[in-house]
Amino acid sequence: MSTVLNISSYKFVTLDDAPALRERLHAHAQALGLKGTVLLAQEGINLFLAGPAEAVRGWVADLKQDARFADLEPKESWSDTVPFKKLLVKVKGEIIRMNHPTIRPDIRGSAGRAPAVSPETLRRWLDQGRDDEGRPVVTLDTRNAFEVDYGTFRDTIDWRIGKFSEFPAQVQAHKDAFKDKTVVSFCTGGIRCEKAALYMQEVGIEHVYQLEGGILKYFELTDGAHWQGQCFVFDEREALGCALEPRQAPSPESP
């Protein structure tokens, strides 16, 4: 049985004390022997950590003592070894770079989020080929091209972007294609599609949703139907299957 607990989570919440918070979170994670990455910015937190279950959950419990993170619910998966080489806790300009400073979910708050669709509902919509109001449903992969190559939803829209900051220009170029359709944006854990869906709303795309919790939550709460391949993750596991099990990703030379 795998004994290393891996967690990922994010939250858009205004952090005016990011440098001081960085010192506290780093010290606690280091004392517990955790490895991974925690990114902090004025717009929120984005984290990937791994270690013994008791240590990881203890770190999360301490973080949730801060009222700003009380509702944080990290996604969990297991591995035989720690998939990170070191611990990094950094303060950045954005926790996910889009280069559109007006797209700030932390300022908008929960009432200003783009609508979210649950994994179970998305699976049902994909079964039907339409949403509950009869509109055709399309999925939009907001990840970078090399991530998409590991796996994605069947018949998804993939603009082959090289970095997330290219996403807004692609929306502008293709937004008319979404007329009279319901579009569900998705990414690995939910953070990119949170910003993506808000941006699409701002440019006038009417029926847009984000996949709540991203691909990893879809794997956790459904049987992975409509997904093809694996999900790339940014650690030494490289890719996960629909049961959240680490898999050896194909080499570039593989057919």
C-alpha atoms as a PDB file:
ATOM      1  CA  MET A   1       0.000   0.000   0.000  1.00  0.00           C
ATOM      2  CA  SER A   2       1.307   3.460  -0.945  1.00  0.00           C
ATOM      3  CA  THR A   3       2.181   5.543   2.108  1.00  0.00           C
ATOM      4  CA  VAL A   4       3.063   8.979   0.694  1.00  0.00           C
ATOM      5  CA  LEU A   5       0.152  11.439   0.652  1.00  0.00           C
ATOM      6  CA  ASN A   6       0.131  13.986  -2.170  1.00  0.00           C
ATOM      7  CA  ILE A   7      -2.122  17.029  -1.962  1.00  0.00           C
ATOM      8  CA  SER A   8      -2.970  19.867  -4.291  1.00  0.00           C
ATOM      9  CA  SER A   9      -5.163  22.865  -3.641  1.00  0.00           C
ATOM     10  CA  TYR A  10      -5.611  26.527  -4.407  1.00  0.00           C
ATOM     11  CA  LYS A  11      -7.733  29.430  -3.321  1.00  0.00           C
ATOM     12  CA  PHE A  12      -8.192  32.916  -4.686  1.00  0.00           C
ATOM     13  CA  VAL A  13      -8.253  35.114  -1.603  1.00  0.00           C
ATOM     14  CA  THR A  14      -6.595  38.485  -1.018  1.00  0.00           C
ATOM     15  CA  LEU A  15      -3.312  38.081   0.863  1.00  0.00           C
ATOM     16  CA  ASP A  16      -1.822  41.403   1.905  1.00  0.00           C
ATOM     17  CA  ASP A  17       0.703  39.617   4.122  1.00  0.00           C
ATOM     18  CA  ALA A  18       2.133  37.147   1.598  1.00  0.00           C
ATOM     19  CA  PRO A  19       5.831  37.634   2.560  1.00  0.00           C
ATOM     20  CA  ALA A  20       5.172  37.048   6.273  1.00  0.00           C
ATOM     21  CA  LEU A  21       2.852  34.163   5.510  1.00  0.00           C
ATOM     22  CA  ARG A  22       5.556  32.644   3.339  1.00  0.00           C
ATOM     23  CA  GLU A  23       7.967  32.507   6.256  1.00  0.00           C
ATOM     24  CA  ARG A  24       5.465  30.800   8.550  1.00  0.00           C
ATOM     25  CA  LEU A  25       4.271  28.229   6.034  1.00  0.00           C
ATOM     26  CA  HIS A  26       7.806  27.398   4.951  1.00  0.00           C
ATOM     27  CA  ALA A  27       9.018  26.915   8.508  1.00  0.00           C
ATOM     28  CA  HIS A  28       6.149  24.582   9.390  1.00  0.00           C
ATOM     29  CA  ALA A  29       6.433  22.502   6.207  1.00  0.00           C
ATOM     30  CA  GLN A  30      10.191  22.224   6.670  1.00  0.00           C
ATOM     31  CA  ALA A  31       9.800  21.127  10.284  1.00  0.00           C
ATOM     32  CA  LEU A  32       7.408  18.377   9.153  1.00  0.00           C
ATOM     33  CA  GLY A  33       9.734  17.195   6.405  1.00  0.00           C
ATOM     34  CA  LEU A  34       7.336  17.989   3.572  1.00  0.00           C
ATOM     35  CA  LYS A  35       8.400  18.564  -0.008  1.00  0.00           C
ATOM     36  CA  GLY A  36       6.694  20.318  -2.887  1.00  0.00           C
ATOM     37  CA  THR A  37       5.751  23.844  -3.909  1.00  0.00           C
ATOM     38  CA  VAL A  38       3.598  26.532  -2.312  1.00  0.00           C
ATOM     39  CA  LEU A  39       2.972  29.698  -4.321  1.00  0.00           C
ATOM     40  CA  LEU A  40       1.619  32.828  -2.665  1.00  0.00           C
ATOM     41  CA  ALA A  41       0.500  36.084  -4.251  1.00  0.00           C
ATOM     42  CA  GLN A  42      -1.780  38.933  -3.365  1.00  0.00           C
ATOM     43  CA  GLU A  43      -4.522  37.006  -5.234  1.00  0.00           C
ATOM     44  CA  GLY A  44      -4.193  33.764  -3.223  1.00  0.00           C
ATOM     45  CA  ILE A  45      -2.425  30.430  -2.695  1.00  0.00           C
ATOM     46  CA  ASN A  46      -1.583  27.468  -4.914  1.00  0.00           C
ATOM     47  CA  LEU A  47       0.051  24.387  -3.373  1.00  0.00           C
ATOM     48  CA  PHE A  48       1.390  20.918  -4.125  1.00  0.00           C
ATOM     49  CA  LEU A  49       2.880  19.031  -1.176  1.00  0.00           C
ATOM     50  CA  ALA A  50       3.788  15.448  -0.307  1.00  0.00           C
ATOM     51  CA  GLY A  51       4.946  13.493   2.725  1.00  0.00           C
ATOM     52  CA  PRO A  52       3.656  11.179   5.458  1.00  0.00           C
ATOM     53  CA  ALA A  53      -0.129  11.497   5.802  1.00  0.00           C
ATOM     54  CA  GLU A  54      -0.040  12.692   9.411  1.00  0.00           C
ATOM     55  CA  ALA A  55       2.475  15.408   8.578  1.00  0.00           C
ATOM     56  CA  VAL A  56       0.655  16.604   5.457  1.00  0.00           C
ATOM     57  CA  ARG A  57      -2.717  16.727   7.168  1.00  0.00           C
ATOM     58  CA  GLY A  58      -1.190  18.422  10.193  1.00  0.00           C
ATOM     59  CA  TRP A  59       0.215  21.174   7.968  1.00  0.00           C
ATOM     60  CA  VAL A  60      -3.191  21.628   6.305  1.00  0.00           C
ATOM     61  CA  ALA A  61      -4.974  21.702   9.675  1.00  0.00           C
ATOM     62  CA  ASP A  62      -2.658  24.468  10.843  1.00  0.00           C
ATOM     63  CA  LEU A  63      -3.187  26.424   7.624  1.00  0.00           C
ATOM     64  CA  LYS A  64      -6.965  26.176   8.047  1.00  0.00           C
ATOM     65  CA  GLN A  65      -6.711  27.860  11.447  1.00  0.00           C
ATOM     66  CA  ASP A  66      -6.328  31.021   9.361  1.00  0.00           C
ATOM     67  CA  ALA A  67      -9.924  32.028   8.564  1.00  0.00           C
ATOM     68  CA  ARG A  68      -8.952  32.845   4.993  1.00  0.00           C
ATOM     69  CA  PHE A  69      -8.189  29.168   4.353  1.00  0.00           C
ATOM     70  CA  ALA A  70     -10.802  27.540   6.585  1.00  0.00           C
ATOM     71  CA  ASP A  71     -12.721  26.074   3.646  1.00  0.00           C
ATOM     72  CA  LEU A  72      -9.670  24.711   1.836  1.00  0.00           C
ATOM     73  CA  GLU A  73     -10.253  21.073   0.795  1.00  0.00           C
ATOM     74  CA  PRO A  74      -7.117  19.674  -0.854  1.00  0.00           C
ATOM     75  CA  LYS A  75      -7.346  16.896  -3.409  1.00  0.00           C
ATOM     76  CA  GLU A  76      -5.510  13.773  -2.240  1.00  0.00           C
ATOM     77  CA  SER A  77      -3.670  10.974  -4.027  1.00  0.00           C
ATOM     78  CA  TRP A  78      -1.065   8.419  -2.990  1.00  0.00           C
ATOM     79  CA  SER A  79       2.351   7.290  -4.176  1.00  0.00           C
ATOM     80  CA  ASP A  80       5.151   4.985  -3.043  1.00  0.00           C
ATOM     81  CA  THR A  81       7.743   7.752  -2.949  1.00  0.00           C
ATOM     82  CA  VAL A  82       7.761  11.538  -2.521  1.00  0.00           C
ATOM     83  CA  PRO A  83       7.513  12.954  -6.066  1.00  0.00           C
ATOM     84  CA  PHE A  84       9.312  16.224  -5.259  1.00  0.00           C
ATOM     85  CA  LYS A  85      13.037  16.796  -4.745  1.00  0.00           C
ATOM     86  CA  LYS A  86      12.758  19.793  -2.400  1.00  0.00           C
ATOM     87  CA  LEU A  87      10.483  22.263  -0.660  1.00  0.00           C
ATOM     88  CA  LEU A  88       9.805  25.628  -2.291  1.00  0.00           C
ATOM     89  CA  VAL A  89       7.585  28.337  -0.831  1.00  0.00           C
ATOM     90  CA  LYS A  90       7.560  31.437  -3.018  1.00  0.00           C
ATOM     91  CA  VAL A  91       5.837  34.811  -3.298  1.00  0.00           C
ATOM     92  CA  LYS A  92       4.879  35.567  -6.912  1.00  0.00           C
ATOM     93  CA  GLY A  93       2.980  38.233  -8.832  1.00  0.00           C
ATOM     94  CA  GLU A  94       0.196  35.740  -9.677  1.00  0.00           C
ATOM     95  CA  ILE A  95      -0.445  32.196  -8.479  1.00  0.00           C
ATOM     96  CA  ILE A  96      -1.254  31.351 -12.107  1.00  0.00           C
ATOM     97  CA  ARG A  97       0.073  33.778 -14.699  1.00  0.00           C
ATOM     98  CA  MET A  98      -2.399  35.146 -17.217  1.00  0.00           C
ATOM     99  CA  ASN A  99      -1.113  38.714 -17.651  1.00  0.00           C
ATOM    100  CA  HIS A 100      -4.629  40.102 -17.203  1.00  0.00           C
ATOM    101  CA  PRO A 101      -4.550  41.882 -13.834  1.00  0.00           C
ATOM    102  CA  THR A 102      -8.254  42.712 -13.925  1.00  0.00           C
ATOM    103  CA  ILE A 103      -9.135  38.995 -13.757  1.00  0.00           C
ATOM    104  CA  ARG A 104      -8.905  38.713  -9.969  1.00  0.00           C
ATOM    105  CA  PRO A 105     -11.239  36.077  -8.481  1.00  0.00           C
ATOM    106  CA  ASP A 106     -10.061  37.089  -4.999  1.00  0.00           C
ATOM    107  CA  ILE A 107     -11.467  40.591  -5.443  1.00  0.00           C
ATOM    108  CA  ARG A 108     -14.737  39.334  -6.914  1.00  0.00           C
ATOM    109  CA  GLY A 109     -15.265  36.797  -4.134  1.00  0.00           C
ATOM    110  CA  SER A 110     -17.399  33.664  -4.342  1.00  0.00           C
ATOM    111  CA  ALA A 111     -20.378  35.593  -5.716  1.00  0.00           C
ATOM    112  CA  GLY A 112     -18.241  36.763  -8.650  1.00  0.00           C
ATOM    113  CA  ARG A 113     -16.924  33.374  -9.738  1.00  0.00           C
ATOM    114  CA  ALA A 114     -17.831  32.054 -13.131  1.00  0.00           C
ATOM    115  CA  PRO A 115     -20.449  29.299 -12.808  1.00  0.00           C
ATOM    116  CA  ALA A 116     -18.965  25.904 -11.985  1.00  0.00           C
ATOM    117  CA  VAL A 117     -20.196  22.485 -13.045  1.00  0.00           C
ATOM    118  CA  SER A 118     -19.593  19.420 -10.902  1.00  0.00           C
ATOM    119  CA  PRO A 119     -17.706  16.417 -12.305  1.00  0.00           C
ATOM    120  CA  GLU A 120     -20.822  14.281 -12.026  1.00  0.00           C
ATOM    121  CA  THR A 121     -22.896  16.799 -13.959  1.00  0.00           C
ATOM    122  CA  LEU A 122     -20.263  17.174 -16.672  1.00  0.00           C
ATOM    123  CA  ARG A 123     -20.142  13.403 -17.106  1.00  0.00           C
ATOM    124  CA  ARG A 124     -23.911  13.326 -17.540  1.00  0.00           C
ATOM    125  CA  TRP A 125     -23.820  16.233 -20.001  1.00  0.00           C
ATOM    126  CA  LEU A 126     -21.147  14.473 -22.041  1.00  0.00           C
ATOM    127  CA  ASP A 127     -23.241  11.304 -22.035  1.00  0.00           C
ATOM    128  CA  GLN A 128     -26.166  13.336 -23.375  1.00  0.00           C
ATOM    129  CA  GLY A 129     -24.119  15.550 -25.682  1.00  0.00           C
ATOM    130  CA  ARG A 130     -26.034  18.548 -24.336  1.00  0.00           C
ATOM    131  CA  ASP A 131     -26.681  20.419 -21.105  1.00  0.00           C
ATOM    132  CA  ASP A 132     -29.938  20.387 -19.143  1.00  0.00           C
ATOM    133  CA  GLU A 133     -31.360  23.179 -21.310  1.00  0.00           C
ATOM    134  CA  GLY A 134     -30.624  21.320 -24.544  1.00  0.00           C
ATOM    135  CA  ARG A 135     -27.579  23.279 -25.696  1.00  0.00           C
ATOM    136  CA  PRO A 136     -24.653  21.368 -27.253  1.00  0.00           C
ATOM    137  CA  VAL A 137     -21.789  20.970 -24.760  1.00  0.00           C
ATOM    138  CA  VAL A 138     -18.141  21.456 -25.696  1.00  0.00           C
ATOM    139  CA  THR A 139     -15.101  21.108 -23.453  1.00  0.00           C
ATOM    140  CA  LEU A 140     -12.181  23.512 -23.680  1.00  0.00           C
ATOM    141  CA  ASP A 141      -8.737  22.431 -22.491  1.00  0.00           C
ATOM    142  CA  THR A 142      -6.952  25.448 -20.977  1.00  0.00           C
ATOM    143  CA  ARG A 143      -3.664  23.607 -20.421  1.00  0.00           C
ATOM    144  CA  ASN A 144      -0.445  23.850 -22.404  1.00  0.00           C
ATOM    145  CA  ALA A 145      -0.085  21.674 -25.504  1.00  0.00           C
ATOM    146  CA  PHE A 146       2.426  19.249 -24.000  1.00  0.00           C
ATOM    147  CA  GLU A 147       0.032  18.534 -21.111  1.00  0.00           C
ATOM    148  CA  VAL A 148      -2.852  17.909 -23.485  1.00  0.00           C
ATOM    149  CA  ASP A 149      -0.719  15.374 -25.343  1.00  0.00           C
ATOM    150  CA  TYR A 150      -0.768  13.072 -22.304  1.00  0.00           C
ATOM    151  CA  GLY A 151      -4.549  12.901 -22.353  1.00  0.00           C
ATOM    152  CA  THR A 152      -7.733  14.961 -22.488  1.00  0.00           C
ATOM    153  CA  PHE A 153     -11.488  14.695 -22.943  1.00  0.00           C
ATOM    154  CA  ARG A 154     -12.664  13.150 -26.190  1.00  0.00           C
ATOM    155  CA  ASP A 155     -13.312  15.791 -28.893  1.00  0.00           C
ATOM    156  CA  THR A 156     -12.138  18.628 -26.667  1.00  0.00           C
ATOM    157  CA  ILE A 157     -11.104  22.010 -28.057  1.00  0.00           C
ATOM    158  CA  ASP A 158      -7.311  22.334 -27.870  1.00  0.00           C
ATOM    159  CA  TRP A 159      -5.696  25.555 -29.078  1.00  0.00           C
ATOM    160  CA  ARG A 160      -2.139  24.216 -28.684  1.00  0.00           C
ATOM    161  CA  ILE A 161      -1.056  27.062 -26.441  1.00  0.00           C
ATOM    162  CA  GLY A 162       2.485  27.093 -25.107  1.00  0.00           C
ATOM    163  CA  LYS A 163       1.684  29.029 -21.927  1.00  0.00           C
ATOM    164  CA  PHE A 164      -1.454  30.202 -20.176  1.00  0.00           C
ATOM    165  CA  SER A 165      -0.798  33.864 -20.967  1.00  0.00           C
ATOM    166  CA  GLU A 166      -1.585  32.985 -24.612  1.00  0.00           C
ATOM    167  CA  PHE A 167      -5.110  31.906 -23.691  1.00  0.00           C
ATOM    168  CA  PRO A 168      -6.868  35.325 -23.870  1.00  0.00           C
ATOM    169  CA  ALA A 169      -5.749  35.929 -27.459  1.00  0.00           C
ATOM    170  CA  GLN A 170      -7.071  32.521 -28.484  1.00  0.00           C
ATOM    171  CA  VAL A 171     -10.424  33.294 -26.873  1.00  0.00           C
ATOM    172  CA  GLN A 172     -10.665  36.509 -28.856  1.00  0.00           C
ATOM    173  CA  ALA A 173      -9.869  34.650 -32.073  1.00  0.00           C
ATOM    174  CA  HIS A 174     -12.400  31.844 -31.526  1.00  0.00           C
ATOM    175  CA  LYS A 175     -15.175  33.252 -29.348  1.00  0.00           C
ATOM    176  CA  ASP A 176     -17.777  33.269 -32.159  1.00  0.00           C
ATOM    177  CA  ALA A 177     -17.501  29.476 -32.358  1.00  0.00           C
ATOM    178  CA  PHE A 178     -19.160  29.211 -28.936  1.00  0.00           C
ATOM    179  CA  LYS A 179     -22.383  30.927 -29.946  1.00  0.00           C
ATOM    180  CA  ASP A 180     -25.436  28.953 -28.741  1.00  0.00           C
ATOM    181  CA  LYS A 181     -23.220  26.339 -27.078  1.00  0.00           C
ATOM    182  CA  THR A 182     -22.321  25.574 -23.485  1.00  0.00           C
ATOM    183  CA  VAL A 183     -18.547  25.572 -23.001  1.00  0.00           C
ATOM    184  CA  VAL A 184     -16.874  23.928 -20.008  1.00  0.00           C
ATOM    185  CA  SER A 185     -13.287  25.021 -19.425  1.00  0.00           C
ATOM    186  CA  PHE A 186     -11.033  22.632 -17.541  1.00  0.00           C
ATOM    187  CA  CYS A 187      -7.464  22.167 -16.332  1.00  0.00           C
ATOM    188  CA  THR A 188      -5.561  19.892 -13.955  1.00  0.00           C
ATOM    189  CA  GLY A 189      -6.803  21.131 -10.603  1.00  0.00           C
ATOM    190  CA  GLY A 190      -9.166  23.994 -11.365  1.00  0.00           C
ATOM    191  CA  ILE A 191      -6.975  27.060 -10.999  1.00  0.00           C
ATOM    192  CA  ARG A 192      -6.471  27.895 -14.667  1.00  0.00           C
ATOM    193  CA  CYS A 193     -10.081  27.279 -15.657  1.00  0.00           C
ATOM    194  CA  GLU A 194     -11.173  29.541 -12.785  1.00  0.00           C
ATOM    195  CA  LYS A 195      -9.499  32.482 -14.487  1.00  0.00           C
ATOM    196  CA  ALA A 196     -10.284  31.205 -17.977  1.00  0.00           C
ATOM    197  CA  ALA A 197     -14.033  31.048 -17.395  1.00  0.00           C
ATOM    198  CA  LEU A 198     -14.075  34.548 -15.896  1.00  0.00           C
ATOM    199  CA  TYR A 199     -12.192  35.932 -18.878  1.00  0.00           C
ATOM    200  CA  MET A 200     -14.565  34.239 -21.324  1.00  0.00           C
ATOM    201  CA  GLN A 201     -17.512  35.756 -19.478  1.00  0.00           C
ATOM    202  CA  GLU A 202     -15.944  39.203 -19.698  1.00  0.00           C
ATOM    203  CA  VAL A 203     -15.572  39.006 -23.484  1.00  0.00           C
ATOM    204  CA  GLY A 204     -19.227  38.077 -23.907  1.00  0.00           C
ATOM    205  CA  ILE A 205     -19.329  34.274 -24.133  1.00  0.00           C
ATOM    206  CA  GLU A 206     -22.715  33.629 -22.616  1.00  0.00           C
ATOM    207  CA  HIS A 207     -22.864  29.995 -21.491  1.00  0.00           C
ATOM    208  CA  VAL A 208     -19.524  29.224 -19.876  1.00  0.00           C
ATOM    209  CA  TYR A 209     -18.655  27.012 -16.917  1.00  0.00           C
ATOM    210  CA  GLN A 210     -15.517  25.886 -15.153  1.00  0.00           C
ATOM    211  CA  LEU A 211     -15.065  22.252 -14.166  1.00  0.00           C
ATOM    212  CA  GLU A 212     -15.141  22.282 -10.365  1.00  0.00           C
ATOM    213  CA  GLY A 213     -11.875  20.827  -9.046  1.00  0.00           C
ATOM    214  CA  GLY A 214     -10.456  20.216 -12.490  1.00  0.00           C
ATOM    215  CA  ILE A 215      -9.426  16.909 -14.046  1.00  0.00           C
ATOM    216  CA  LEU A 216      -8.204  15.418 -10.776  1.00  0.00           C
ATOM    217  CA  LYS A 217     -11.579  15.952  -9.123  1.00  0.00           C
ATOM    218  CA  TYR A 218     -13.283  14.486 -12.208  1.00  0.00           C
ATOM    219  CA  PHE A 219     -11.124  11.372 -11.774  1.00  0.00           C
ATOM    220  CA  GLU A 220     -11.947  11.242  -8.059  1.00  0.00           C
ATOM    221  CA  LEU A 221     -15.725  11.583  -8.381  1.00  0.00           C
ATOM    222  CA  THR A 222     -16.481   9.762 -11.640  1.00  0.00           C
ATOM    223  CA  ASP A 223     -15.325   6.670 -13.488  1.00  0.00           C
ATOM    224  CA  GLY A 224     -13.296   8.796 -15.912  1.00  0.00           C
ATOM    225  CA  ALA A 225     -15.722   8.290 -18.780  1.00  0.00           C
ATOM    226  CA  HIS A 226     -15.058  10.456 -21.875  1.00  0.00           C
ATOM    227  CA  TRP A 227     -11.398  10.882 -20.854  1.00  0.00           C
ATOM    228  CA  GLN A 228      -8.677   9.506 -23.097  1.00  0.00           C
ATOM    229  CA  GLY A 229      -5.135   8.870 -21.858  1.00  0.00           C
ATOM    230  CA  GLN A 230      -3.581  10.186 -18.651  1.00  0.00           C
ATOM    231  CA  CYS A 231      -3.356  13.502 -16.817  1.00  0.00           C
ATOM    232  CA  PHE A 232       0.027  15.196 -16.684  1.00  0.00           C
ATOM    233  CA  VAL A 233       1.043  16.411 -13.217  1.00  0.00           C
ATOM    234  CA  PHE A 234       3.928  18.699 -12.340  1.00  0.00           C
ATOM    235  CA  ASP A 235       5.906  16.294 -10.184  1.00  0.00           C
ATOM    236  CA  GLU A 236       8.004  13.155 -10.556  1.00  0.00           C
ATOM    237  CA  ARG A 237       4.953  10.931 -11.003  1.00  0.00           C
ATOM    238  CA  GLU A 238       4.590  12.664 -14.378  1.00  0.00           C
ATOM    239  CA  ALA A 239       1.088  11.403 -15.145  1.00  0.00           C
ATOM    240  CA  LEU A 240      -1.925   9.903 -13.379  1.00  0.00           C
ATOM    241  CA  GLY A 241      -4.567   7.514 -14.635  1.00  0.00           C
ATOM    242  CA  CYS A 242      -8.294   7.823 -14.040  1.00  0.00           C
ATOM    243  CA  ALA A 243      -7.955   5.967 -10.722  1.00  0.00           C
ATOM    244  CA  LEU A 244      -5.384   8.601  -9.632  1.00  0.00           C
ATOM    245  CA  GLU A 245      -2.646   5.988  -9.833  1.00  0.00           C
ATOM    246  CA  PRO A 246       0.819   7.003 -11.075  1.00  0.00           C
ATOM    247  CA  ARG A 247       1.599   5.715 -14.518  1.00  0.00           C
ATOM    248  CA  GLN A 248       4.712   5.754 -16.609  1.00  0.00           C
ATOM    249  CA  ALA A 249       4.111   8.341 -19.286  1.00  0.00           C
ATOM    250  CA  PRO A 250       5.054   7.423 -22.880  1.00  0.00           C
ATOM    251  CA  SER A 251       8.462   8.538 -24.068  1.00  0.00           C
ATOM    252  CA  PRO A 252       8.677  11.036 -26.940  1.00  0.00           C
ATOM    253  CA  GLU A 253       9.913   8.208 -29.178  1.00  0.00           C
ATOM    254  CA  SER A 254       6.816   6.068 -28.540  1.00  0.00           C
ATOM    255  CA  PRO A 255       4.449   5.745 -31.513  1.00  0.00           C
END
